[in-house]
Amino acid sequence: MSAKGLTVLIVEPNKFEGQIILDLLRNAGVDKIKVVQCQDVALDLLEVYNANVVIASYEMAPLDGAAWTRAYRRNKKLPGRKASIFITSGSFSRAMAEECRHAGCNALIGKPLSAKVLMATITKVLSQPREFIDTEAGYVGPCRRAGIVTAGAPTKRRKGDDEADAGDVFTLQDAVEALRAAASTFAGDTSMLEPCEVALRNVQAYAVNAGDGPLMRACAAFALQLSSAKGLRPEAVKASLDVCVNGVAKLVALGADQAQRREEIAEGVRMAVGKAAMQRAA
C-alpha cells in the first residue's frame, strides 16, 4: 500500500513526540493523519475515523500501550478495530514485545523514530496481512503464531560497556559534534544520508528524554531537511544544513531560563527548512 492509501491515527501523550511522528509521516507522503494525546479521545474518534494504521505510545496512562490495544481490539463499536497497531517505546525490550504481541499489536518500534524505519515497518506489516482472530473469551487480534514485527530497538550494550569509566560517556555535546561532522559530510555527498540521520536521532533522543520542546522541533525540521535535500543545489543544501546544525548547537548551549530565545532559534530553523523547500519547489 502506498503512503497515499494510509489513514493514520497517532496516539501520543507527549505533544512534541506526536509532532515528530506527524512530520515524519507527512514527509513520507502520508496526508490523512490525526493526532490525539488522550487515549479515551482516541477511542471516541475511532468510532467515526476509520484509520487503517494506529501508532500509539506504550508510555500512556491510565492504560499502557498494550492494555489500550487490548481494549481497542475488543471494542466492537469501532469499525476499524482490525487496523494495524504500531506501538512505540523508548524502553524497548523482549518482554514488552511479547506483551504487545499477546495484546493484539502488529509491531513494536523503538524510539527515537526515523522516517525510514517507521515507513519500512508499516509497509512490511501491511504487505503481509495476517488472519484476524476474534474469539469471544480469548485473544483478539492478528494471528500471533508468526510473532510480532520489531524495529528500531536500541543497540544492546556490551558487557564491557557497563564497566566503562565516566570519561567514556557519550554526552549531548558529543552527539551535537557528531551531528555537525555528519552534516558536513552529507553537504558534500548527499549519498551519506544514513550516518547523518543516525547522528540526528542521537540528539533527538536526548531532546525527547528531557522533554525539550524547542530542541525537538529543531530536530524534526532538521530531519525534514535531510530527507528533502535531493534536488536542491549544493550551496542551498549546505546553507540550510548550517542553519540546522548551528540552531541545534545553540539550543543545547542555552539554559532553560532563556526560553524565549530558544523558541526563536527553533522557529529560525523551521523557517530555514521551509525556505529551502520553496527553493526546491521552484
Protein backbone atom coordinates (compact mmCIF):
# COMPACT_ATOMS: atom_id res chain seq x y z
CA MET A 1 0.00 0.00 0.00
CA SER A 2 1.29 3.44 -0.94
CA ALA A 3 1.61 6.31 1.53
CA LYS A 4 -1.44 7.93 -0.06
CA GLY A 5 -3.51 4.89 0.89
CA LEU A 6 -2.78 5.24 4.60
CA THR A 7 -5.23 6.72 7.09
CA VAL A 8 -3.32 7.18 10.34
CA LEU A 9 -4.21 7.96 13.93
CA ILE A 10 -1.34 8.87 16.26
CA VAL A 11 -1.99 8.41 19.99
CA GLU A 12 0.90 10.12 21.77
CA PRO A 13 0.60 11.86 25.17
CA ASN A 14 3.78 13.86 24.55
CA LYS A 15 2.73 16.56 22.07
CA PHE A 16 6.29 17.10 20.85
CA GLU A 17 6.80 13.41 20.04
CA GLY A 18 3.40 13.42 18.36
CA GLN A 19 4.52 16.32 16.18
CA ILE A 20 7.73 14.49 15.24
CA ILE A 21 5.78 11.41 14.11
CA LEU A 22 3.34 13.63 12.22
CA ASP A 23 6.20 15.37 10.41
CA LEU A 24 7.87 12.06 9.53
CA LEU A 25 4.66 10.69 8.03
CA ARG A 26 3.85 13.86 6.10
CA ASN A 27 7.33 13.96 4.66
CA ALA A 28 6.88 10.34 3.53
CA GLY A 29 3.76 11.33 1.61
CA VAL A 30 1.01 10.41 4.09
CA ASP A 31 -1.69 13.10 4.11
CA LYS A 32 -4.55 11.55 6.11
CA ILE A 33 -3.34 11.84 9.70
CA LYS A 34 -4.89 12.79 13.02
CA VAL A 35 -3.01 13.21 16.32
CA VAL A 36 -4.51 12.91 19.81
CA GLN A 37 -2.90 12.91 23.25
CA CYS A 38 -5.66 11.21 25.27
CA GLN A 39 -6.41 7.51 24.82
CA ASP A 40 -10.12 7.97 25.65
CA VAL A 41 -10.36 10.65 22.96
CA ALA A 42 -8.67 8.22 20.57
CA LEU A 43 -11.31 5.54 21.16
CA ASP A 44 -14.12 8.07 20.68
CA LEU A 45 -12.54 9.35 17.46
CA LEU A 46 -12.05 5.84 16.10
CA GLU A 47 -15.83 5.34 16.16
CA VAL A 48 -16.03 7.73 13.18
CA TYR A 49 -12.44 7.90 11.87
CA ASN A 50 -11.72 4.65 10.06
CA ALA A 51 -7.94 4.53 10.36
CA ASN A 52 -6.08 1.58 8.87
CA VAL A 53 -2.91 2.40 10.83
CA VAL A 54 -2.78 3.33 14.53
CA ILE A 55 0.53 4.45 16.03
CA ALA A 56 0.36 4.55 19.83
CA SER A 57 2.90 5.10 22.58
CA TYR A 58 3.48 2.33 25.08
CA GLU A 59 4.05 5.00 27.74
CA MET A 60 0.44 6.13 28.11
CA ALA A 61 -1.90 6.43 31.09
CA PRO A 62 -4.08 5.18 32.64
CA LEU A 63 -3.58 2.18 30.33
CA ASP A 64 -0.20 1.41 28.79
CA GLY A 65 0.01 0.79 25.05
CA ALA A 66 -0.53 -2.97 25.34
CA ALA A 67 -3.56 -2.67 27.63
CA TRP A 68 -5.03 0.06 25.42
CA THR A 69 -4.60 -2.17 22.35
CA ARG A 70 -6.41 -4.98 24.14
CA ALA A 71 -9.34 -2.65 24.88
CA TYR A 72 -9.32 -1.35 21.30
CA ARG A 73 -9.39 -4.81 19.76
CA ARG A 74 -12.37 -5.86 21.90
CA ASN A 75 -14.46 -2.74 21.27
CA LYS A 76 -16.99 -3.86 18.67
CA LYS A 77 -18.29 -0.30 18.25
CA LEU A 78 -15.10 0.56 16.37
CA PRO A 79 -15.39 -0.06 12.59
CA GLY A 80 -11.61 -0.21 12.24
CA ARG A 81 -10.70 -2.42 15.20
CA LYS A 82 -8.84 -4.70 12.79
CA ALA A 83 -6.48 -1.87 11.87
CA SER A 84 -2.74 -2.43 12.17
CA ILE A 85 -1.42 -1.19 15.51
CA PHE A 86 2.17 0.02 15.89
CA ILE A 87 3.38 0.61 19.44
CA THR A 88 6.35 2.93 20.02
CA SER A 89 8.55 2.95 23.11
CA GLY A 90 11.81 4.36 24.37
CA SER A 91 12.37 1.33 26.62
CA PHE A 92 12.23 -1.47 24.08
CA SER A 93 12.57 -5.00 25.48
CA ARG A 94 11.80 -8.60 24.54
CA ALA A 95 9.30 -8.85 27.41
CA MET A 96 7.50 -5.77 26.12
CA ALA A 97 7.38 -7.24 22.62
CA GLU A 98 5.75 -10.40 23.96
CA GLU A 99 3.27 -8.37 25.98
CA CYS A 100 2.32 -6.35 22.91
CA ARG A 101 2.02 -9.48 20.76
CA HIS A 102 -0.46 -11.07 23.17
CA ALA A 103 -2.41 -7.80 23.37
CA GLY A 104 -3.01 -7.80 19.61
CA CYS A 105 -0.37 -5.36 18.35
CA ASN A 106 1.18 -5.76 14.91
CA ALA A 107 4.56 -4.18 15.62
CA LEU A 108 6.74 -2.61 18.28
CA ILE A 109 9.13 0.18 17.25
CA GLY A 110 11.89 1.58 19.44
CA LYS A 111 12.33 5.33 19.84
CA PRO A 112 13.70 7.65 18.64
CA LEU A 113 11.93 7.05 15.34
CA SER A 114 13.24 7.67 11.85
CA ALA A 115 11.15 8.02 8.69
CA LYS A 116 12.99 5.09 7.12
CA VAL A 117 12.32 2.64 9.96
CA LEU A 118 8.75 3.82 10.53
CA MET A 119 7.66 3.55 6.90
CA ALA A 120 9.54 0.27 6.33
CA THR A 121 7.78 -1.27 9.34
CA ILE A 122 4.35 -0.06 8.22
CA THR A 123 5.00 -1.36 4.70
CA LYS A 124 6.15 -4.74 6.00
CA VAL A 125 3.08 -5.21 8.19
CA LEU A 126 0.55 -4.09 5.57
CA SER A 127 2.15 -6.10 2.76
CA GLN A 128 1.96 -9.31 4.81
CA PRO A 129 -1.55 -9.21 6.33
CA ARG A 130 -2.36 -11.87 8.94
CA GLU A 131 -5.63 -13.57 9.69
CA PHE A 132 -7.61 -11.66 12.30
CA ILE A 133 -8.56 -13.82 15.27
CA ASP A 134 -11.71 -12.85 17.16
CA THR A 135 -12.75 -15.18 19.97
CA GLU A 136 -15.46 -14.36 22.46
CA ALA A 137 -13.46 -15.04 25.62
CA GLY A 138 -9.88 -15.20 24.38
CA TYR A 139 -7.41 -13.45 22.12
CA VAL A 140 -8.47 -10.75 19.63
CA GLY A 141 -6.02 -9.51 17.04
CA PRO A 142 -3.72 -10.61 14.21
CA CYS A 143 -2.61 -14.25 14.33
CA ARG A 144 0.18 -14.49 16.90
CA ARG A 145 1.94 -17.56 15.52
CA ALA A 146 4.35 -15.56 13.35
CA GLY A 147 5.36 -13.38 16.31
CA ILE A 148 5.40 -9.58 16.29
CA VAL A 149 7.35 -7.29 13.98
CA THR A 150 10.01 -5.34 15.87
CA ALA A 151 12.16 -2.50 14.59
CA GLY A 152 14.38 0.31 15.79
CA ALA A 153 15.36 -1.36 19.05
CA PRO A 154 18.24 0.39 20.82
CA THR A 155 21.59 -1.32 20.37
CA LYS A 156 22.33 -3.67 23.26
CA ARG A 157 25.28 -2.65 25.37
CA ARG A 158 28.28 -4.94 25.50
CA LYS A 159 29.17 -6.31 28.90
CA GLY A 160 32.30 -4.19 28.93
CA ASP A 161 30.27 -1.01 28.38
CA ASP A 162 28.87 -1.24 31.89
CA GLU A 163 32.40 -1.13 33.24
CA ALA A 164 33.47 1.94 31.27
CA ASP A 165 34.52 4.94 33.28
CA ALA A 166 32.82 8.32 33.21
CA GLY A 167 35.22 9.62 30.57
CA ASP A 168 33.67 7.24 28.04
CA VAL A 169 30.10 8.55 28.43
CA PHE A 170 28.57 9.85 25.17
CA THR A 171 27.20 13.24 26.19
CA LEU A 172 24.74 15.53 24.43
CA GLN A 173 27.66 17.76 23.45
CA ASP A 174 29.35 14.71 21.89
CA ALA A 175 26.14 13.97 19.98
CA VAL A 176 25.99 17.52 18.65
CA GLU A 177 29.61 17.40 17.47
CA ALA A 178 28.97 14.05 15.77
CA LEU A 179 25.94 15.59 14.07
CA ARG A 180 28.00 18.58 12.92
CA ALA A 181 30.58 16.26 11.35
CA ALA A 182 27.95 14.04 9.72
CA ALA A 183 26.09 17.06 8.31
CA SER A 184 29.30 18.46 6.87
CA THR A 185 29.97 15.16 5.11
CA PHE A 186 26.38 14.97 3.86
CA ALA A 187 26.57 18.52 2.47
CA GLY A 188 29.42 17.39 0.22
CA ASP A 189 27.97 13.99 -0.62
CA THR A 190 24.19 13.52 -0.32
CA SER A 191 24.60 9.75 -0.60
CA MET A 192 25.82 9.88 3.02
CA LEU A 193 22.29 10.34 4.34
CA GLU A 194 22.08 7.42 6.77
CA PRO A 195 25.04 8.42 9.00
CA CYS A 196 23.58 11.91 9.29
CA GLU A 197 20.14 10.53 10.19
CA VAL A 198 21.70 8.33 12.88
CA ALA A 199 23.61 11.29 14.35
CA LEU A 200 20.43 13.38 14.35
CA ARG A 201 18.45 10.64 16.11
CA ASN A 202 21.05 10.59 18.89
CA VAL A 203 20.45 14.30 19.54
CA GLN A 204 16.70 13.83 19.17
CA ALA A 205 16.77 11.08 21.80
CA TYR A 206 18.25 13.50 24.33
CA ALA A 207 15.58 16.08 23.45
CA VAL A 208 12.73 13.58 23.87
CA ASN A 209 14.05 12.24 27.16
CA ALA A 210 14.39 15.78 28.53
CA GLY A 211 11.03 16.98 27.18
CA ASP A 212 12.90 19.79 25.41
CA GLY A 213 10.26 21.19 23.04
CA PRO A 214 12.41 23.70 21.08
CA LEU A 215 15.17 21.14 20.53
CA MET A 216 12.63 18.51 19.44
CA ARG A 217 11.10 20.91 16.92
CA ALA A 218 14.51 21.87 15.58
CA CYS A 219 15.42 18.19 15.20
CA ALA A 220 12.12 17.49 13.41
CA ALA A 221 12.81 20.34 10.97
CA PHE A 222 16.38 19.09 10.54
CA ALA A 223 15.05 15.62 9.66
CA LEU A 224 12.75 17.10 7.03
CA GLN A 225 15.68 19.00 5.52
CA LEU A 226 17.74 15.83 5.26
CA SER A 227 15.02 13.88 3.51
CA SER A 228 14.20 16.71 1.08
CA ALA A 229 17.78 17.69 0.15
CA LYS A 230 17.68 15.74 -3.09
CA GLY A 231 17.11 18.16 -5.96
CA LEU A 232 18.49 21.22 -4.19
CA ARG A 233 21.61 22.98 -5.37
CA PRO A 234 24.69 22.00 -3.30
CA GLU A 235 25.09 25.54 -1.96
CA ALA A 236 21.45 25.59 -0.85
CA VAL A 237 21.88 22.24 0.92
CA LYS A 238 24.96 23.49 2.74
CA ALA A 239 23.32 26.77 3.75
CA SER A 240 20.22 25.12 5.21
CA LEU A 241 22.26 22.43 6.97
CA ASP A 242 24.47 25.11 8.53
CA VAL A 243 21.38 26.83 9.94
CA CYS A 244 20.08 23.50 11.28
CA VAL A 245 23.34 22.45 12.91
CA ASN A 246 24.06 25.87 14.37
CA GLY A 247 20.49 26.11 15.65
CA VAL A 248 20.73 22.74 17.40
CA ALA A 249 24.11 23.68 18.91
CA LYS A 250 22.74 27.00 20.22
CA LEU A 251 19.71 25.30 21.75
CA VAL A 252 21.95 22.83 23.57
CA ALA A 253 24.18 25.64 24.84
CA LEU A 254 21.35 27.83 26.15
CA GLY A 255 19.78 27.12 29.51
CA ALA A 256 16.08 26.60 30.24
CA ASP A 257 15.96 30.12 31.72
CA GLN A 258 16.28 31.53 28.18
CA ALA A 259 13.01 30.06 26.96
CA GLN A 260 12.05 32.91 24.61
CA ARG A 261 15.42 32.91 22.87
CA ARG A 262 15.30 29.12 22.49
CA GLU A 263 11.83 29.36 20.91
CA GLU A 264 13.16 31.97 18.46
CA ILE A 265 16.07 29.72 17.48
CA ALA A 266 13.80 26.71 16.91
CA GLU A 267 11.48 28.83 14.77
CA GLY A 268 14.50 30.08 12.81
CA VAL A 269 15.50 26.51 11.99
CA ARG A 270 11.94 25.70 10.90
CA MET A 271 11.79 28.77 8.65
CA ALA A 272 15.15 27.97 7.06
CA VAL A 273 13.95 24.48 6.19
CA GLY A 274 10.71 25.92 4.80
CA LYS A 275 12.67 28.37 2.64
CA ALA A 276 14.82 25.53 1.30
CA ALA A 277 11.68 23.56 0.44
CA MET A 278 10.32 26.54 -1.51
CA GLN A 279 13.56 26.73 -3.50
CA ARG A 280 13.21 23.07 -4.34
CA ALA A 281 9.61 23.55 -5.46
CA ALA A 282 10.66 26.47 -7.66
